[in-house]
Amino acid sequence: MSNPHEPDGIVLTEAQKRSQRRRSIAIALALGVLVMLFFAVTIVKGPAVLNRPL
């Protein structure tokens, strides 16, 4: 039987955990910028975005 003190799966080093956290923050910031860009474009275009030929 396995030892209960041994962790299951892959154990990351502290440097890998820091790198993963920085990467996650960068992805979140990029996604936030993209959302704000889409929001700004929608506000600038206004209701005219719905007036298109069918």
C-alpha atoms as a PDB file:
ATOM      1  CA  MET A   1       0.000   0.000   0.000  1.00  0.00           C
ATOM      2  CA  SER A   2       1.203   3.558  -0.601  1.00  0.00           C
ATOM      3  CA  ASN A   3       2.582   5.774   2.107  1.00  0.00           C
ATOM      4  CA  PRO A   4      -0.004   8.426   3.158  1.00  0.00           C
ATOM      5  CA  HIS A   5       2.787  11.017   3.450  1.00  0.00           C
ATOM      6  CA  GLU A   6       3.719  10.744  -0.235  1.00  0.00           C
ATOM      7  CA  PRO A   7       1.879  13.270  -2.443  1.00  0.00           C
ATOM      8  CA  ASP A   8      -0.110  11.947  -5.398  1.00  0.00           C
ATOM      9  CA  GLY A   9       0.711  13.129  -8.911  1.00  0.00           C
ATOM     10  CA  ILE A  10       3.185  15.808  -9.915  1.00  0.00           C
ATOM     11  CA  VAL A  11       4.582  18.146  -7.289  1.00  0.00           C
ATOM     12  CA  LEU A  12       5.693  21.546  -8.585  1.00  0.00           C
ATOM     13  CA  THR A  13       8.709  23.361  -7.241  1.00  0.00           C
ATOM     14  CA  GLU A  14       8.324  26.861  -5.805  1.00  0.00           C
ATOM     15  CA  ALA A  15       9.836  28.357  -8.971  1.00  0.00           C
ATOM     16  CA  GLN A  16       7.319  26.468 -11.129  1.00  0.00           C
ATOM     17  CA  LYS A  17       4.443  27.615  -8.910  1.00  0.00           C
ATOM     18  CA  ARG A  18       5.572  31.259  -9.209  1.00  0.00           C
ATOM     19  CA  SER A  19       5.912  30.912 -12.967  1.00  0.00           C
ATOM     20  CA  GLN A  20       2.464  29.344 -13.258  1.00  0.00           C
ATOM     21  CA  ARG A  21       0.936  32.122 -11.142  1.00  0.00           C
ATOM     22  CA  ARG A  22       2.591  34.851 -13.258  1.00  0.00           C
ATOM     23  CA  ARG A  23       1.367  33.152 -16.437  1.00  0.00           C
ATOM     24  CA  SER A  24      -2.173  32.928 -15.039  1.00  0.00           C
ATOM     25  CA  ILE A  25      -2.140  36.611 -14.083  1.00  0.00           C
ATOM     26  CA  ALA A  26      -0.867  37.585 -17.547  1.00  0.00           C
ATOM     27  CA  ILE A  27      -3.642  35.569 -19.216  1.00  0.00           C
ATOM     28  CA  ALA A  28      -6.262  37.145 -16.927  1.00  0.00           C
ATOM     29  CA  LEU A  29      -4.979  40.651 -17.699  1.00  0.00           C
ATOM     30  CA  ALA A  30      -4.966  39.965 -21.444  1.00  0.00           C
ATOM     31  CA  LEU A  31      -8.527  38.652 -21.247  1.00  0.00           C
ATOM     32  CA  GLY A  32      -9.594  41.717 -19.240  1.00  0.00           C
ATOM     33  CA  VAL A  33      -8.046  44.053 -21.835  1.00  0.00           C
ATOM     34  CA  LEU A  34      -9.828  42.185 -24.622  1.00  0.00           C
ATOM     35  CA  VAL A  35     -13.179  42.468 -22.814  1.00  0.00           C
ATOM     36  CA  MET A  36     -12.647  46.194 -22.247  1.00  0.00           C
ATOM     37  CA  LEU A  37     -11.721  46.636 -25.915  1.00  0.00           C
ATOM     38  CA  PHE A  38     -14.911  44.911 -27.064  1.00  0.00           C
ATOM     39  CA  PHE A  39     -16.937  46.981 -24.591  1.00  0.00           C
ATOM     40  CA  ALA A  40     -15.364  50.242 -25.790  1.00  0.00           C
ATOM     41  CA  VAL A  41     -15.974  49.397 -29.452  1.00  0.00           C
ATOM     42  CA  THR A  42     -19.593  48.541 -28.681  1.00  0.00           C
ATOM     43  CA  ILE A  43     -20.109  51.847 -26.834  1.00  0.00           C
ATOM     44  CA  VAL A  44     -18.447  53.867 -29.623  1.00  0.00           C
ATOM     45  CA  LYS A  45     -20.510  52.216 -32.360  1.00  0.00           C
ATOM     46  CA  GLY A  46     -23.671  52.766 -30.339  1.00  0.00           C
ATOM     47  CA  PRO A  47     -27.088  51.534 -31.450  1.00  0.00           C
ATOM     48  CA  ALA A  48     -26.048  51.737 -35.109  1.00  0.00           C
ATOM     49  CA  VAL A  49     -24.578  48.256 -34.700  1.00  0.00           C
ATOM     50  CA  LEU A  50     -28.145  46.901 -34.856  1.00  0.00           C
ATOM     51  CA  ASN A  51     -29.070  48.836 -38.047  1.00  0.00           C
ATOM     52  CA  ARG A  52     -27.814  46.552 -40.753  1.00  0.00           C
ATOM     53  CA  PRO A  53     -29.406  45.314 -43.950  1.00  0.00           C
ATOM     54  CA  LEU A  54     -31.076  41.936 -43.723  1.00  0.00           C
END
